[in-house]
Amino acid sequence: MRVLLTGHQGYLGTVMAPVLTAAGHEVVGLDSGLFADCVLGPRPADPSGHRVDLRDVTAEHVAGVDAVIHLAALSNDPLGSLAPDLTYDINHHASVRLARLAREAGVKRFLYASTCSVYGAAGGGDLVGEDAPLRPVTPYAESKVRVEDDLHALADGDFTPVYMRNATAFGYSPRLRADIVLNNLVGHALLSGEVLVLSDGTPGGRWCTPPTSRGPSRPR
């Protein structure tokens, strides 16, 4: 298949592009290029593609594409809270516009990177399923819920959107994000010899087991 991968020069896209290529797909990238030069280690072999802001995508960018994998977004809660209008403009409106253009161009599959943050503070210790109530508590999470709703309205027999409500990503990428909670925790521990918990542990309870003590502690 010929796959348009948005955010191909981001944390996840940099890793996903060669995986798709190895599976036999032709990958076309689409990225603003803001982090193209933020490379850790050997420079990755990026697929050819379009250097364009998501808000400026046109029908030309989706022409001849069989599927779209949409990763591009303003992708963390602090940034979303700092500029919520910009977050909605890029994450919501531009994403839905991309989907409409794709559908009009005859694209069959639209794979959307949503987030488990759409569930918000679910409460309790039970696992949540796909039919659990959505309770977003940040502009970032709210923007993802809005996209899911609008993609659902676009779905028909010829256009199939799928939402991936991923948990927090972690691990190495040639375009590493050190702001992600686990990457930040491990990076600080390796560089300083201390495990730094930037809270009493309770706000991050859904991502990891709360610590037994407050504040920085020495790793065992």
C-alpha atoms as a PDB file:
ATOM      1  CA  MET A   1       0.000   0.000   0.000  1.00  0.00           C
ATOM      2  CA  ARG A   2       0.982   3.620  -0.439  1.00  0.00           C
ATOM      3  CA  VAL A   3       0.768   5.081   3.059  1.00  0.00           C
ATOM      4  CA  LEU A   4       0.821   8.749   4.058  1.00  0.00           C
ATOM      5  CA  LEU A   5       2.463   8.995   7.486  1.00  0.00           C
ATOM      6  CA  THR A   6       1.955  12.365   9.175  1.00  0.00           C
ATOM      7  CA  GLY A   7       4.467  13.324  11.837  1.00  0.00           C
ATOM      8  CA  HIS A   8       7.063  11.048  10.237  1.00  0.00           C
ATOM      9  CA  GLN A   9       9.873  13.149  11.745  1.00  0.00           C
ATOM     10  CA  GLY A  10       8.501  12.917  15.263  1.00  0.00           C
ATOM     11  CA  TYR A  11       9.204  10.605  18.187  1.00  0.00           C
ATOM     12  CA  LEU A  12       6.920   7.795  17.004  1.00  0.00           C
ATOM     13  CA  GLY A  13       6.928   8.481  13.272  1.00  0.00           C
ATOM     14  CA  THR A  14      10.708   8.181  13.024  1.00  0.00           C
ATOM     15  CA  VAL A  15      10.421   4.613  14.321  1.00  0.00           C
ATOM     16  CA  MET A  16       7.214   3.720  12.483  1.00  0.00           C
ATOM     17  CA  ALA A  17       8.397   4.723   8.990  1.00  0.00           C
ATOM     18  CA  PRO A  18      11.083   2.010   8.635  1.00  0.00           C
ATOM     19  CA  VAL A  19       8.725  -0.584  10.148  1.00  0.00           C
ATOM     20  CA  LEU A  20       6.144   0.177   7.464  1.00  0.00           C
ATOM     21  CA  THR A  21       8.810   0.132   4.760  1.00  0.00           C
ATOM     22  CA  ALA A  22      10.123  -3.229   5.945  1.00  0.00           C
ATOM     23  CA  ALA A  23       6.563  -4.574   5.721  1.00  0.00           C
ATOM     24  CA  GLY A  24       6.558  -3.722   2.021  1.00  0.00           C
ATOM     25  CA  HIS A  25       4.595  -0.486   2.042  1.00  0.00           C
ATOM     26  CA  GLU A  26       5.538   2.687   0.190  1.00  0.00           C
ATOM     27  CA  VAL A  27       5.735   5.427   2.816  1.00  0.00           C
ATOM     28  CA  VAL A  28       5.167   9.094   2.046  1.00  0.00           C
ATOM     29  CA  GLY A  29       5.935  11.443   4.930  1.00  0.00           C
ATOM     30  CA  LEU A  30       4.195  14.650   5.946  1.00  0.00           C
ATOM     31  CA  ASP A  31       5.722  16.795   8.656  1.00  0.00           C
ATOM     32  CA  SER A  32       6.278  20.455   9.533  1.00  0.00           C
ATOM     33  CA  GLY A  33       9.986  19.682   9.968  1.00  0.00           C
ATOM     34  CA  LEU A  34      10.272  21.528  13.277  1.00  0.00           C
ATOM     35  CA  PHE A  35      12.175  18.619  14.842  1.00  0.00           C
ATOM     36  CA  ALA A  36      13.850  17.262  11.705  1.00  0.00           C
ATOM     37  CA  ASP A  37      17.330  18.122  12.984  1.00  0.00           C
ATOM     38  CA  CYS A  38      16.750  17.020  16.599  1.00  0.00           C
ATOM     39  CA  VAL A  39      18.495  13.690  16.111  1.00  0.00           C
ATOM     40  CA  LEU A  40      20.143  11.486  18.730  1.00  0.00           C
ATOM     41  CA  GLY A  41      22.718   9.160  17.180  1.00  0.00           C
ATOM     42  CA  PRO A  42      22.926   8.378  13.452  1.00  0.00           C
ATOM     43  CA  ARG A  43      20.525  10.372  11.335  1.00  0.00           C
ATOM     44  CA  PRO A  44      17.521   8.250  10.331  1.00  0.00           C
ATOM     45  CA  ALA A  45      16.714   7.630   6.691  1.00  0.00           C
ATOM     46  CA  ASP A  46      13.480   9.587   6.467  1.00  0.00           C
ATOM     47  CA  PRO A  47      11.070   8.684   3.666  1.00  0.00           C
ATOM     48  CA  SER A  48      10.468  11.240   0.962  1.00  0.00           C
ATOM     49  CA  GLY A  49       7.478  13.417   1.531  1.00  0.00           C
ATOM     50  CA  HIS A  50       5.930  16.798   2.179  1.00  0.00           C
ATOM     51  CA  ARG A  51       7.280  19.490   4.487  1.00  0.00           C
ATOM     52  CA  VAL A  52       4.090  21.310   5.361  1.00  0.00           C
ATOM     53  CA  ASP A  53       2.166  22.521   8.399  1.00  0.00           C
ATOM     54  CA  LEU A  54      -0.807  20.265   9.080  1.00  0.00           C
ATOM     55  CA  ARG A  55      -3.096  23.292   8.796  1.00  0.00           C
ATOM     56  CA  ASP A  56      -1.906  23.879   5.217  1.00  0.00           C
ATOM     57  CA  VAL A  57      -2.506  20.391   3.840  1.00  0.00           C
ATOM     58  CA  THR A  58      -4.268  20.278   0.455  1.00  0.00           C
ATOM     59  CA  ALA A  59      -5.874  17.611  -1.702  1.00  0.00           C
ATOM     60  CA  GLU A  60      -2.563  17.256  -3.537  1.00  0.00           C
ATOM     61  CA  HIS A  61      -0.913  15.825  -0.408  1.00  0.00           C
ATOM     62  CA  VAL A  62      -3.348  12.899  -0.188  1.00  0.00           C
ATOM     63  CA  ALA A  63      -3.638  12.164  -3.902  1.00  0.00           C
ATOM     64  CA  GLY A  64      -2.808   8.572  -4.850  1.00  0.00           C
ATOM     65  CA  VAL A  65      -2.694   7.382  -1.231  1.00  0.00           C
ATOM     66  CA  ASP A  66      -4.250   4.080  -0.089  1.00  0.00           C
ATOM     67  CA  ALA A  67      -4.128   4.769   3.662  1.00  0.00           C
ATOM     68  CA  VAL A  68      -3.291   7.553   6.114  1.00  0.00           C
ATOM     69  CA  ILE A  69      -1.593   7.049   9.477  1.00  0.00           C
ATOM     70  CA  HIS A  70      -2.087  10.304  11.339  1.00  0.00           C
ATOM     71  CA  LEU A  71       0.411  10.916  14.165  1.00  0.00           C
ATOM     72  CA  ALA A  72       1.092  14.645  13.791  1.00  0.00           C
ATOM     73  CA  ALA A  73      -0.124  16.824  16.679  1.00  0.00           C
ATOM     74  CA  LEU A  74       0.852  19.157  19.478  1.00  0.00           C
ATOM     75  CA  SER A  75       1.476  16.271  21.786  1.00  0.00           C
ATOM     76  CA  ASN A  76       1.686  17.038  25.462  1.00  0.00           C
ATOM     77  CA  ASP A  77      -0.551  18.448  28.190  1.00  0.00           C
ATOM     78  CA  PRO A  78       1.586  21.470  29.246  1.00  0.00           C
ATOM     79  CA  LEU A  79       1.801  22.728  25.668  1.00  0.00           C
ATOM     80  CA  GLY A  80      -1.904  22.175  25.177  1.00  0.00           C
ATOM     81  CA  SER A  81      -2.723  24.138  28.322  1.00  0.00           C
ATOM     82  CA  LEU A  82      -0.331  26.938  27.347  1.00  0.00           C
ATOM     83  CA  ALA A  83      -2.048  27.506  23.994  1.00  0.00           C
ATOM     84  CA  PRO A  84      -5.425  25.718  23.953  1.00  0.00           C
ATOM     85  CA  ASP A  85      -6.726  27.576  20.893  1.00  0.00           C
ATOM     86  CA  LEU A  86      -3.670  26.522  18.910  1.00  0.00           C
ATOM     87  CA  THR A  87      -4.069  22.972  20.186  1.00  0.00           C
ATOM     88  CA  TYR A  88      -7.657  22.789  18.948  1.00  0.00           C
ATOM     89  CA  ASP A  89      -6.714  24.422  15.650  1.00  0.00           C
ATOM     90  CA  ILE A  90      -3.973  21.879  14.886  1.00  0.00           C
ATOM     91  CA  ASN A  91      -5.051  18.751  16.738  1.00  0.00           C
ATOM     92  CA  HIS A  92      -8.777  18.990  16.047  1.00  0.00           C
ATOM     93  CA  HIS A  93      -9.660  21.177  13.059  1.00  0.00           C
ATOM     94  CA  ALA A  94      -6.609  20.361  10.921  1.00  0.00           C
ATOM     95  CA  SER A  95      -6.907  16.640  11.665  1.00  0.00           C
ATOM     96  CA  VAL A  96     -10.561  16.497  10.644  1.00  0.00           C
ATOM     97  CA  ARG A  97      -9.806  18.526   7.531  1.00  0.00           C
ATOM     98  CA  LEU A  98      -7.079  16.027   6.618  1.00  0.00           C
ATOM     99  CA  ALA A  99      -9.569  13.184   7.048  1.00  0.00           C
ATOM    100  CA  ARG A 100     -12.135  14.905   4.826  1.00  0.00           C
ATOM    101  CA  LEU A 101      -9.547  15.480   2.118  1.00  0.00           C
ATOM    102  CA  ALA A 102      -8.478  11.848   2.367  1.00  0.00           C
ATOM    103  CA  ARG A 103     -12.033  10.596   2.047  1.00  0.00           C
ATOM    104  CA  GLU A 104     -12.674  12.851  -0.948  1.00  0.00           C
ATOM    105  CA  ALA A 105      -9.488  11.499  -2.555  1.00  0.00           C
ATOM    106  CA  GLY A 106     -10.721   7.918  -2.207  1.00  0.00           C
ATOM    107  CA  VAL A 107      -8.509   6.884   0.720  1.00  0.00           C
ATOM    108  CA  LYS A 108     -10.026   3.784   2.342  1.00  0.00           C
ATOM    109  CA  ARG A 109      -8.225   3.594   5.683  1.00  0.00           C
ATOM    110  CA  PHE A 110      -7.503   6.362   8.169  1.00  0.00           C
ATOM    111  CA  LEU A 111      -5.550   5.308  11.268  1.00  0.00           C
ATOM    112  CA  TYR A 112      -5.649   7.998  13.953  1.00  0.00           C
ATOM    113  CA  ALA A 113      -3.332   8.273  16.961  1.00  0.00           C
ATOM    114  CA  SER A 114      -5.679   9.201  19.785  1.00  0.00           C
ATOM    115  CA  THR A 115      -4.725   8.755  23.460  1.00  0.00           C
ATOM    116  CA  CYS A 116      -5.783   6.946  26.617  1.00  0.00           C
ATOM    117  CA  SER A 117      -6.064  10.434  28.143  1.00  0.00           C
ATOM    118  CA  VAL A 118      -9.551  10.598  26.649  1.00  0.00           C
ATOM    119  CA  TYR A 119     -10.673   8.526  29.663  1.00  0.00           C
ATOM    120  CA  GLY A 120      -9.382  11.175  32.070  1.00  0.00           C
ATOM    121  CA  ALA A 121      -9.526  10.363  35.760  1.00  0.00           C
ATOM    122  CA  ALA A 122     -11.478   7.129  35.444  1.00  0.00           C
ATOM    123  CA  GLY A 123     -11.230   6.359  39.166  1.00  0.00           C
ATOM    124  CA  GLY A 124     -11.139   2.977  40.851  1.00  0.00           C
ATOM    125  CA  GLY A 125      -8.778   0.132  40.140  1.00  0.00           C
ATOM    126  CA  ASP A 126     -10.669  -1.530  37.321  1.00  0.00           C
ATOM    127  CA  LEU A 127      -9.464  -1.587  33.731  1.00  0.00           C
ATOM    128  CA  VAL A 128     -11.406   0.613  31.324  1.00  0.00           C
ATOM    129  CA  GLY A 129     -12.765  -0.725  28.053  1.00  0.00           C
ATOM    130  CA  GLU A 130     -13.434   0.947  24.736  1.00  0.00           C
ATOM    131  CA  ASP A 131     -16.990   1.723  25.833  1.00  0.00           C
ATOM    132  CA  ALA A 132     -15.947   3.453  29.065  1.00  0.00           C
ATOM    133  CA  PRO A 133     -17.127   7.068  29.531  1.00  0.00           C
ATOM    134  CA  LEU A 134     -14.762   9.689  28.108  1.00  0.00           C
ATOM    135  CA  ARG A 135     -13.739  12.328  30.651  1.00  0.00           C
ATOM    136  CA  PRO A 136     -10.908  14.422  29.132  1.00  0.00           C
ATOM    137  CA  VAL A 137      -9.399  16.901  31.586  1.00  0.00           C
ATOM    138  CA  THR A 138      -6.914  18.783  29.359  1.00  0.00           C
ATOM    139  CA  PRO A 139      -7.163  20.646  26.022  1.00  0.00           C
ATOM    140  CA  TYR A 140      -4.914  17.971  24.504  1.00  0.00           C
ATOM    141  CA  ALA A 141      -7.236  15.139  25.536  1.00  0.00           C
ATOM    142  CA  GLU A 142     -10.343  17.149  24.641  1.00  0.00           C
ATOM    143  CA  SER A 143      -8.974  17.776  21.145  1.00  0.00           C
ATOM    144  CA  LYS A 144      -8.543  14.029  20.675  1.00  0.00           C
ATOM    145  CA  VAL A 145     -12.135  13.328  21.740  1.00  0.00           C
ATOM    146  CA  ARG A 146     -13.412  15.919  19.281  1.00  0.00           C
ATOM    147  CA  VAL A 147     -11.465  14.329  16.428  1.00  0.00           C
ATOM    148  CA  GLU A 148     -12.817  10.879  17.280  1.00  0.00           C
ATOM    149  CA  ASP A 149     -16.393  12.226  17.230  1.00  0.00           C
ATOM    150  CA  ASP A 150     -15.904  13.925  13.865  1.00  0.00           C
ATOM    151  CA  LEU A 151     -14.155  10.915  12.317  1.00  0.00           C
ATOM    152  CA  HIS A 152     -17.047   8.737  13.419  1.00  0.00           C
ATOM    153  CA  ALA A 153     -19.398  11.033  11.511  1.00  0.00           C
ATOM    154  CA  LEU A 154     -17.228  10.709   8.384  1.00  0.00           C
ATOM    155  CA  ALA A 155     -17.144   6.914   8.426  1.00  0.00           C
ATOM    156  CA  ASP A 156     -19.047   5.019   5.749  1.00  0.00           C
ATOM    157  CA  GLY A 157     -18.699   1.901   3.632  1.00  0.00           C
ATOM    158  CA  ASP A 158     -15.803   3.402   1.682  1.00  0.00           C
ATOM    159  CA  PHE A 159     -13.948   5.245   4.462  1.00  0.00           C
ATOM    160  CA  THR A 160     -12.849   3.438   7.619  1.00  0.00           C
ATOM    161  CA  PRO A 161     -11.290   5.473  10.437  1.00  0.00           C
ATOM    162  CA  VAL A 162      -9.676   3.611  13.341  1.00  0.00           C
ATOM    163  CA  TYR A 163      -8.617   5.263  16.625  1.00  0.00           C
ATOM    164  CA  MET A 164      -5.602   4.095  18.638  1.00  0.00           C
ATOM    165  CA  ARG A 165      -6.019   5.142  22.286  1.00  0.00           C
ATOM    166  CA  ASN A 166      -2.387   4.549  23.155  1.00  0.00           C
ATOM    167  CA  ALA A 167      -0.912   4.664  26.624  1.00  0.00           C
ATOM    168  CA  THR A 168       2.142   6.834  27.291  1.00  0.00           C
ATOM    169  CA  ALA A 169       4.912   5.898  24.883  1.00  0.00           C
ATOM    170  CA  PHE A 170       8.479   5.360  26.085  1.00  0.00           C
ATOM    171  CA  GLY A 171      11.851   4.152  24.915  1.00  0.00           C
ATOM    172  CA  TYR A 172      14.506   5.080  22.392  1.00  0.00           C
ATOM    173  CA  SER A 173      13.862   6.882  19.133  1.00  0.00           C
ATOM    174  CA  PRO A 174      16.387   8.709  16.936  1.00  0.00           C
ATOM    175  CA  ARG A 175      14.211  11.756  17.643  1.00  0.00           C
ATOM    176  CA  LEU A 176      13.920  11.202  21.365  1.00  0.00           C
ATOM    177  CA  ARG A 177      11.381  12.952  23.558  1.00  0.00           C
ATOM    178  CA  ALA A 178      12.796  13.470  27.040  1.00  0.00           C
ATOM    179  CA  ASP A 179       9.624  15.143  28.357  1.00  0.00           C
ATOM    180  CA  ILE A 180       7.667  11.874  28.463  1.00  0.00           C
ATOM    181  CA  VAL A 181       7.274  10.670  32.033  1.00  0.00           C
ATOM    182  CA  LEU A 182       9.176   7.372  31.851  1.00  0.00           C
ATOM    183  CA  ASN A 183      11.925   8.709  29.569  1.00  0.00           C
ATOM    184  CA  ASN A 184      12.359  11.658  31.918  1.00  0.00           C
ATOM    185  CA  LEU A 185      12.478   9.380  34.966  1.00  0.00           C
ATOM    186  CA  VAL A 186      15.064   7.022  33.456  1.00  0.00           C
ATOM    187  CA  GLY A 187      17.173   9.804  31.935  1.00  0.00           C
ATOM    188  CA  HIS A 188      17.434  11.687  35.220  1.00  0.00           C
ATOM    189  CA  ALA A 189      18.290   8.484  37.086  1.00  0.00           C
ATOM    190  CA  LEU A 190      21.081   7.604  34.649  1.00  0.00           C
ATOM    191  CA  LEU A 191      22.579  11.102  34.637  1.00  0.00           C
ATOM    192  CA  SER A 192      22.288  11.898  38.344  1.00  0.00           C
ATOM    193  CA  GLY A 193      22.089   8.536  40.083  1.00  0.00           C
ATOM    194  CA  GLU A 194      18.759   9.570  41.634  1.00  0.00           C
ATOM    195  CA  VAL A 195      15.192   8.630  40.794  1.00  0.00           C
ATOM    196  CA  LEU A 196      13.419  11.982  40.811  1.00  0.00           C
ATOM    197  CA  VAL A 197       9.672  11.925  41.449  1.00  0.00           C
ATOM    198  CA  LEU A 198       8.223  15.336  40.604  1.00  0.00           C
ATOM    199  CA  SER A 199       5.236  14.913  42.936  1.00  0.00           C
ATOM    200  CA  ASP A 200       4.053  12.755  45.815  1.00  0.00           C
ATOM    201  CA  GLY A 201       3.417  10.022  43.273  1.00  0.00           C
ATOM    202  CA  THR A 202      -0.364  10.098  43.293  1.00  0.00           C
ATOM    203  CA  PRO A 203      -1.015  12.172  40.103  1.00  0.00           C
ATOM    204  CA  GLY A 204       0.935   9.633  38.062  1.00  0.00           C
ATOM    205  CA  GLY A 205      -0.759   6.643  39.617  1.00  0.00           C
ATOM    206  CA  ARG A 206      -2.313   5.473  36.399  1.00  0.00           C
ATOM    207  CA  TRP A 207       1.068   5.404  34.634  1.00  0.00           C
ATOM    208  CA  CYS A 208       3.144   3.670  37.272  1.00  0.00           C
ATOM    209  CA  THR A 209       3.084   2.353  40.809  1.00  0.00           C
ATOM    210  CA  PRO A 210       3.214   5.261  43.300  1.00  0.00           C
ATOM    211  CA  PRO A 211       6.533   5.518  45.156  1.00  0.00           C
ATOM    212  CA  THR A 212       6.801   4.500  48.781  1.00  0.00           C
ATOM    213  CA  SER A 213       8.521   7.752  49.767  1.00  0.00           C
ATOM    214  CA  ARG A 214       8.143  11.386  48.764  1.00  0.00           C
ATOM    215  CA  GLY A 215      10.769  13.274  46.809  1.00  0.00           C
ATOM    216  CA  PRO A 216      13.957  12.081  45.118  1.00  0.00           C
ATOM    217  CA  SER A 217      15.313   8.730  46.244  1.00  0.00           C
ATOM    218  CA  ARG A 218      18.373   6.666  45.458  1.00  0.00           C
ATOM    219  CA  PRO A 219      17.761   3.710  43.121  1.00  0.00           C
ATOM    220  CA  ARG A 220      18.260   0.268  44.593  1.00  0.00           C
END
